[in-house]
N, C-alpha and C. Protein backbone atom coordinates (compact mmCIF):
# COMPACT_ATOMS: atom_id res chain seq x y z
N UNK A 1 4.83 6.71 -12.31
CA UNK A 1 3.78 6.45 -11.61
C UNK A 1 4.07 6.10 -10.16
N UNK A 2 3.24 6.79 -9.24
CA UNK A 2 3.50 6.32 -7.91
C UNK A 2 2.50 5.26 -7.31
N UNK A 3 3.01 4.33 -6.73
CA UNK A 3 2.31 3.33 -6.30
C UNK A 3 1.15 3.86 -5.03
N UNK A 4 -0.19 3.43 -5.45
CA UNK A 4 -1.19 3.18 -4.64
C UNK A 4 -0.93 2.79 -3.26
N UNK A 5 -1.69 3.21 -2.34
CA UNK A 5 -1.44 2.71 -0.61
C UNK A 5 -2.90 2.78 -0.32
N UNK A 6 -3.31 1.38 -0.09
CA UNK A 6 -4.42 1.66 0.43
C UNK A 6 -4.37 0.93 1.54
N UNK A 7 -5.17 1.01 2.57
CA UNK A 7 -4.91 0.99 3.74
C UNK A 7 -6.40 0.23 4.33
N UNK A 8 -6.90 -0.99 4.64
CA UNK A 8 -7.73 -1.81 5.04
C UNK A 8 -7.57 -2.23 6.45
N UNK A 9 -8.54 -1.30 7.50
CA UNK A 9 -8.50 -1.73 8.97
C UNK A 9 -9.69 -1.74 9.51
N UNK A 10 -10.01 -2.20 10.73
CA UNK A 10 -11.01 -1.97 11.58
C UNK A 10 -10.99 -0.26 12.04
N UNK A 11 -12.52 -0.43 12.17
CA UNK A 11 -12.73 1.41 12.03
C UNK A 11 -12.20 1.77 13.24
N UNK A 12 -11.69 2.83 13.61
CA UNK A 12 -11.65 3.81 12.78
C UNK A 12 -10.07 4.18 11.84
N UNK A 13 -9.43 3.00 12.19
CA UNK A 13 -8.00 2.80 12.17
C UNK A 13 -7.71 3.35 10.56
N UNK A 14 -8.15 2.90 10.04
CA UNK A 14 -7.55 3.06 8.39
C UNK A 14 -7.79 4.56 7.87
N UNK A 15 -8.93 5.34 8.47
CA UNK A 15 -8.97 6.70 8.02
C UNK A 15 -8.14 7.50 9.13
N UNK A 16 -7.70 7.05 10.30
CA UNK A 16 -7.04 8.06 11.08
C UNK A 16 -5.60 7.78 10.64
N UNK A 17 -5.02 6.56 10.29
CA UNK A 17 -3.82 6.62 9.89
C UNK A 17 -3.57 7.22 8.24
N UNK A 18 -4.64 7.25 7.69
CA UNK A 18 -4.54 8.15 6.51
C UNK A 18 -4.71 10.07 6.80
N UNK A 19 -5.27 10.13 7.74
CA UNK A 19 -5.26 11.73 7.97
C UNK A 19 -3.95 11.71 8.75
N UNK A 20 -3.43 11.13 9.35
CA UNK A 20 -2.04 11.36 9.76
C UNK A 20 -0.99 11.27 8.81
N UNK A 21 -1.11 10.53 7.59
CA UNK A 21 -0.09 10.85 6.58
C UNK A 21 -0.58 12.14 5.59
N UNK A 22 -1.82 12.56 5.66
CA UNK A 22 -1.63 13.54 4.91
C UNK A 22 -1.67 14.78 5.77
N UNK A 23 -1.30 14.72 6.71
CA UNK A 23 -0.73 15.96 7.90
C UNK A 23 0.77 16.41 7.69
N UNK A 24 1.39 15.32 6.96
CA UNK A 24 2.64 15.24 6.97
C UNK A 24 2.99 15.51 5.22
N UNK A 25 2.16 14.67 4.77
CA UNK A 25 2.09 14.57 3.29
C UNK A 25 1.39 14.84 2.12
N UNK A 26 0.38 16.37 2.60
CA UNK A 26 -0.65 16.60 2.08
C UNK A 26 -1.17 16.36 0.50
N UNK A 27 0.23 16.31 -0.09
CA UNK A 27 -0.33 16.18 -1.76
C UNK A 27 -0.37 14.71 -2.23
N UNK A 28 -0.31 13.95 -1.14
CA UNK A 28 -0.53 12.36 -1.42
C UNK A 28 -1.97 12.19 -1.46
N UNK A 29 -2.98 13.12 -0.99
CA UNK A 29 -4.70 12.68 -1.28
C UNK A 29 -5.10 11.53 -1.62
N UNK A 30 -4.62 11.60 -3.22
CA UNK A 30 -4.97 10.67 -4.26
C UNK A 30 -4.67 9.40 -4.17
N UNK A 31 -3.25 9.12 -3.60
CA UNK A 31 -2.44 8.11 -3.46
C UNK A 31 -2.67 7.24 -2.44
N UNK A 32 -3.22 7.86 -1.36
CA UNK A 32 -3.47 6.97 0.24
C UNK A 32 -5.14 6.72 0.00
N UNK A 33 -5.18 5.86 0.07
CA UNK A 33 -6.71 5.60 0.18
C UNK A 33 -6.99 4.52 1.41
N UNK A 34 -8.25 4.98 2.15
CA UNK A 34 -8.68 4.05 3.39
C UNK A 34 -10.10 3.35 3.40
N UNK A 35 -10.08 2.49 3.84
CA UNK A 35 -11.38 1.68 4.31
C UNK A 35 -11.10 0.99 5.31
N UNK A 36 -12.20 1.61 6.11
CA UNK A 36 -12.51 1.22 7.28
C UNK A 36 -13.44 -0.17 7.79
N UNK A 37 -13.10 -1.00 8.31
CA UNK A 37 -14.59 -2.15 8.58
C UNK A 37 -15.01 -2.10 9.63
N UNK A 38 -16.34 -1.59 9.89
CA UNK A 38 -17.30 -1.05 10.59
C UNK A 38 -17.48 -2.76 11.24
N UNK A 39 -17.66 -2.59 12.66
CA UNK A 39 -18.06 -3.90 13.45
C UNK A 39 -19.17 -4.25 12.69
N UNK A 40 -19.34 -5.64 12.94
CA UNK A 40 -20.23 -6.29 12.47
C UNK A 40 -20.61 -6.44 10.59
N UNK A 41 -19.41 -5.88 10.01
CA UNK A 41 -20.02 -5.68 8.89
C UNK A 41 -19.81 -6.58 8.18
N UNK A 42 -20.57 -7.05 7.07
CA UNK A 42 -20.26 -8.98 6.08
C UNK A 42 -19.25 -8.44 5.65
N UNK A 43 -18.21 -9.10 5.55
CA UNK A 43 -16.54 -8.94 4.95
C UNK A 43 -17.04 -8.79 2.87
N UNK A 44 -18.23 -9.12 2.97
CA UNK A 44 -18.27 -8.73 1.36
C UNK A 44 -18.80 -7.54 1.29
N UNK A 45 -19.17 -6.86 2.04
CA UNK A 45 -19.67 -5.32 2.02
C UNK A 45 -17.97 -4.46 1.59
N UNK A 46 -17.47 -5.16 2.42
CA UNK A 46 -15.96 -4.10 2.90
C UNK A 46 -15.17 -4.48 1.82
N UNK A 47 -15.01 -5.95 1.18
CA UNK A 47 -14.56 -6.19 -0.17
C UNK A 47 -15.45 -5.48 -1.55
N UNK A 48 -15.94 -5.34 -1.33
CA UNK A 48 -17.31 -4.46 -2.39
C UNK A 48 -16.61 -3.03 -2.47
N UNK A 49 -16.19 -2.45 -0.96
CA UNK A 49 -15.92 -1.26 -0.46
C UNK A 49 -14.35 -0.78 -1.10
N UNK A 50 -13.65 -1.80 -0.95
CA UNK A 50 -12.41 -1.77 -1.19
C UNK A 50 -12.06 -2.20 -2.45
N UNK A 51 -13.03 -2.86 -3.40
CA UNK A 51 -12.88 -3.16 -5.05
C UNK A 51 -13.33 -1.54 -5.39
N UNK A 52 -14.26 -1.16 -5.12
CA UNK A 52 -14.69 0.40 -5.68
C UNK A 52 -13.55 1.49 -5.99
N UNK A 53 -12.52 1.34 -4.80
CA UNK A 53 -11.71 1.99 -4.80
C UNK A 53 -10.34 1.75 -5.50
N UNK A 54 -10.38 0.33 -5.47
CA UNK A 54 -9.33 -0.36 -6.69
C UNK A 54 -9.65 0.00 -8.17
N UNK A 55 -10.90 0.19 -8.36
CA UNK A 55 -11.55 0.24 -9.78
C UNK A 55 -11.54 1.67 -10.35
N UNK A 56 -11.16 2.41 -9.20
CA UNK A 56 -10.88 4.26 -9.66
C UNK A 56 -9.53 4.04 -10.47
N UNK A 57 -8.35 3.45 -10.62
CA UNK A 57 -7.05 3.33 -11.63
C UNK A 57 -6.73 1.94 -11.83
N UNK A 58 -7.30 1.14 -12.60
CA UNK A 58 -7.22 -0.66 -12.34
C UNK A 58 -5.63 -0.72 -13.00
N UNK A 59 -5.28 -1.64 -12.70
CA UNK A 59 -3.85 -2.12 -13.24
C UNK A 59 -2.58 -0.98 -12.36
N UNK A 60 -2.90 -0.59 -11.80
CA UNK A 60 -1.89 0.25 -11.10
C UNK A 60 -1.31 -0.44 -9.87
N UNK A 61 -0.18 -0.33 -9.87
CA UNK A 61 0.21 -0.95 -8.52
C UNK A 61 -0.04 -0.48 -7.61
N UNK A 62 -0.20 -1.33 -6.57
CA UNK A 62 -0.52 -1.27 -5.34
C UNK A 62 -0.01 -1.81 -4.01
N UNK A 63 0.18 -1.01 -3.18
CA UNK A 63 0.61 -1.68 -1.74
C UNK A 63 -0.75 -1.67 -0.78
N UNK A 64 -1.05 -2.55 -0.28
CA UNK A 64 -2.09 -2.74 0.80
C UNK A 64 -1.77 -3.25 2.17
N UNK A 65 -1.87 -2.20 2.94
CA UNK A 65 -1.89 -2.46 4.32
C UNK A 65 -2.94 -2.50 5.05
N UNK A 66 -2.94 -3.73 6.19
CA UNK A 66 -3.82 -3.83 6.77
C UNK A 66 -3.63 -3.98 8.37
N UNK A 67 -4.29 -4.11 9.54
CA UNK A 67 -3.78 -4.25 10.77
C UNK A 67 -3.52 -5.32 11.17
N UNK A 68 -4.26 -6.23 11.18
CA UNK A 68 -4.34 -7.33 12.36
C UNK A 68 -4.35 -8.54 10.66
N UNK A 69 -3.13 -9.82 11.01
CA UNK A 69 -3.44 -10.77 10.29
C UNK A 69 -4.07 -11.96 10.56
N UNK A 70 -4.79 -12.35 10.14
CA UNK A 70 -5.81 -13.39 9.99
C UNK A 70 -7.37 -12.89 10.85
N UNK A 71 -7.47 -11.44 10.51
CA UNK A 71 -8.61 -11.02 11.16
C UNK A 71 -9.47 -10.52 9.74
N UNK A 72 -10.75 -9.79 10.03
CA UNK A 72 -11.21 -9.71 8.57
C UNK A 72 -10.98 -8.58 7.55
N UNK A 73 -10.34 -7.81 8.06
CA UNK A 73 -10.00 -6.49 6.97
C UNK A 73 -8.24 -7.32 6.42
N UNK A 74 -7.68 -8.05 7.01
CA UNK A 74 -6.62 -8.75 6.29
C UNK A 74 -7.23 -9.91 5.11
N UNK A 75 -8.43 -10.59 5.94
CA UNK A 75 -9.06 -11.94 4.83
C UNK A 75 -9.63 -11.07 4.08
N UNK A 76 -10.15 -9.98 4.06
CA UNK A 76 -10.88 -9.21 2.71
C UNK A 76 -9.54 -8.67 1.64
N UNK A 77 -8.56 -8.24 2.44
CA UNK A 77 -7.27 -7.73 1.47
C UNK A 77 -6.89 -9.14 0.77
N UNK A 78 -6.16 -10.45 1.22
CA UNK A 78 -6.01 -11.09 0.39
C UNK A 78 -7.02 -11.47 -0.47
N UNK A 79 -8.15 -11.45 -0.31
CA UNK A 79 -8.92 -11.55 -1.57
C UNK A 79 -9.10 -10.63 -2.35
N UNK A 80 -8.67 -9.57 -1.94
CA UNK A 80 -8.57 -8.19 -2.89
C UNK A 80 -7.52 -8.18 -3.80
N UNK A 81 -6.27 -8.81 -3.26
CA UNK A 81 -5.18 -8.70 -4.16
C UNK A 81 -4.98 -9.65 -4.96
N UNK A 82 -5.60 -10.71 -4.78
CA UNK A 82 -5.48 -11.83 -5.36
C UNK A 82 -5.78 -11.53 -6.90
N UNK A 83 -4.64 -11.86 -7.81
CA UNK A 83 -4.05 -11.96 -9.14
C UNK A 83 -4.01 -10.18 -9.39
N UNK A 84 -4.26 -9.32 -8.62
CA UNK A 84 -3.50 -7.89 -9.09
C UNK A 84 -2.14 -7.67 -8.57
N UNK A 85 -1.54 -6.36 -9.41
CA UNK A 85 -0.55 -6.46 -9.33
C UNK A 85 -0.14 -5.51 -8.23
N UNK A 86 -0.26 -6.07 -6.67
CA UNK A 86 -0.23 -5.52 -5.94
C UNK A 86 0.57 -6.77 -4.75
N UNK A 87 0.47 -6.07 -3.53
CA UNK A 87 1.66 -6.73 -2.35
C UNK A 87 0.67 -6.35 -1.15
N UNK A 88 0.64 -7.19 -0.05
CA UNK A 88 0.25 -7.01 1.19
C UNK A 88 0.99 -7.24 2.22
N UNK A 89 0.54 -6.30 3.00
CA UNK A 89 1.59 -6.49 4.23
C UNK A 89 0.67 -6.35 5.73
N UNK A 90 0.77 -6.80 6.47
CA UNK A 90 -0.24 -6.88 7.79
C UNK A 90 0.57 -6.17 9.05
N UNK A 91 0.04 -5.58 9.81
CA UNK A 91 0.55 -5.14 10.77
C UNK A 91 0.85 -3.42 10.61
N UNK A 92 -0.07 -3.01 10.11
CA UNK A 92 0.02 -1.42 10.04
C UNK A 92 0.26 -0.62 10.95
N UNK A 93 1.36 0.14 10.98
CA UNK A 93 1.74 1.26 11.77
C UNK A 93 1.98 2.43 11.51
N UNK A 94 2.08 3.58 12.23
CA UNK A 94 2.39 4.94 11.59
C UNK A 94 3.60 5.25 10.90
N UNK A 95 4.55 4.53 11.84
CA UNK A 95 6.10 4.75 10.77
C UNK A 95 6.06 4.08 9.80
N UNK A 96 5.46 2.65 9.65
CA UNK A 96 5.19 1.88 8.26
C UNK A 96 5.03 2.56 7.09
N UNK A 97 3.43 3.49 7.51
CA UNK A 97 2.52 4.09 6.24
C UNK A 97 3.49 5.37 6.07
N UNK A 98 4.42 6.22 7.13
CA UNK A 98 5.07 7.36 6.43
C UNK A 98 5.96 6.94 5.64
N UNK A 99 6.61 5.61 6.12
CA UNK A 99 7.78 5.30 5.12
C UNK A 99 7.28 5.10 3.98
N UNK A 100 6.20 4.42 3.75
CA UNK A 100 5.87 3.90 2.39
C UNK A 100 5.24 5.68 1.65
N UNK A 101 4.43 6.00 1.78
CA UNK A 101 4.16 7.46 1.37
C UNK A 101 5.41 8.20 1.20
N UNK A 102 6.35 8.05 1.82
CA UNK A 102 7.52 9.14 1.40
C UNK A 102 8.09 8.24 0.20
N UNK A 103 8.10 6.93 0.11
CA UNK A 103 9.05 6.78 -0.70
C UNK A 103 8.02 5.58 -2.14
N UNK A 104 6.67 6.46 -2.03
CA UNK A 104 5.67 5.89 -2.80
C UNK A 104 5.94 5.80 -4.52
N UNK A 105 7.05 6.58 -4.50
CA UNK A 105 7.51 6.37 -6.31
C UNK A 105 8.83 5.48 -6.80
N UNK A 106 9.04 4.72 -5.68
CA UNK A 106 9.68 3.42 -6.19
C UNK A 106 8.71 2.25 -6.76
N UNK A 107 9.42 1.10 -7.05
CA UNK A 107 8.90 0.16 -7.37
C UNK A 107 8.04 -0.92 -6.40
N UNK A 108 7.04 -1.41 -6.66
CA UNK A 108 6.34 -2.33 -5.59
C UNK A 108 7.06 -3.15 -4.69
N UNK A 109 7.98 -3.58 -5.19
CA UNK A 109 8.90 -4.84 -4.23
C UNK A 109 9.71 -3.69 -3.49
N UNK A 110 10.58 -2.65 -3.93
CA UNK A 110 11.17 -2.06 -3.41
C UNK A 110 9.98 -1.40 -1.91
N UNK A 111 9.11 -1.09 -2.75
CA UNK A 111 7.95 -0.30 -1.43
C UNK A 111 7.60 -1.05 -0.38
N UNK A 112 7.76 -2.56 -0.84
CA UNK A 112 7.22 -3.69 -0.08
C UNK A 112 8.10 -3.75 1.30
N UNK A 113 9.30 -3.30 0.99
CA UNK A 113 10.59 -3.71 1.97
C UNK A 113 10.51 -2.35 2.52
N UNK A 114 10.29 -1.38 2.01
CA UNK A 114 10.64 -0.11 2.91
C UNK A 114 9.29 -0.42 4.05
N UNK A 115 7.90 -0.59 3.60
CA UNK A 115 7.10 -0.83 4.60
C UNK A 115 7.69 -1.77 5.53
N UNK A 116 8.14 -2.94 5.21
CA UNK A 116 8.58 -3.82 5.96
C UNK A 116 9.43 -3.25 7.44
N UNK A 117 10.38 -2.71 6.69
CA UNK A 117 11.58 -2.11 7.77
C UNK A 117 11.34 -1.02 8.29
N UNK A 118 10.05 -0.03 7.68
CA UNK A 118 9.43 1.22 8.64
C UNK A 118 8.84 1.03 9.78
N UNK A 119 8.35 -0.55 9.39
CA UNK A 119 7.10 -1.27 10.72
C UNK A 119 7.69 -1.60 11.80
N UNK A 120 8.79 -2.07 11.16
CA UNK A 120 9.97 -2.61 12.39
C UNK A 120 10.69 -2.06 12.92
N UNK A 121 11.17 -0.97 12.38
CA UNK A 121 12.30 0.05 13.00
C UNK A 121 11.94 0.85 13.89
N UNK A 122 10.37 1.16 13.28
CA UNK A 122 9.03 2.31 14.19
C UNK A 122 8.80 1.89 15.74
N UNK A 123 8.94 0.70 15.99
CA UNK A 123 8.80 0.32 17.33
C UNK A 123 10.12 -0.13 18.06
N UNK A 124 10.33 0.43 18.95
CA UNK A 124 11.44 0.45 20.16
C UNK A 124 11.06 0.94 21.33
N UNK A 125 11.89 0.26 22.27
CA UNK A 125 11.85 1.04 23.77
C UNK A 125 12.55 2.27 23.70
N UNK A 126 11.84 2.78 24.65
CA UNK A 126 12.55 4.04 24.72
C UNK A 126 12.78 4.44 26.37
């Protein structure tokens, strides 16, 4: 079974990243899930929305990608992954997401390494 990828980010980034991933990998629509955090939304509301997405397939390995460490989406994501078979990576960018989608069949540990590698290798001066 493929690892689920959950993106939690400031609106509209999460869904925009998901849309980009689906442009390249249209077959992954059920495995890449996005939760946008609107301005002024209570963290508890975001947590509830994310939990609904996770409850769709409980017990499944999940890689959670979030935008900014220490911001509301990341804080919510930390609460969400606590006690679950999941990993959390902050600093999501499109190269990171595409790498994880491409290798979503790998173990959660391997996929987490791929996310970190894809994120850093995708940033360069041209």
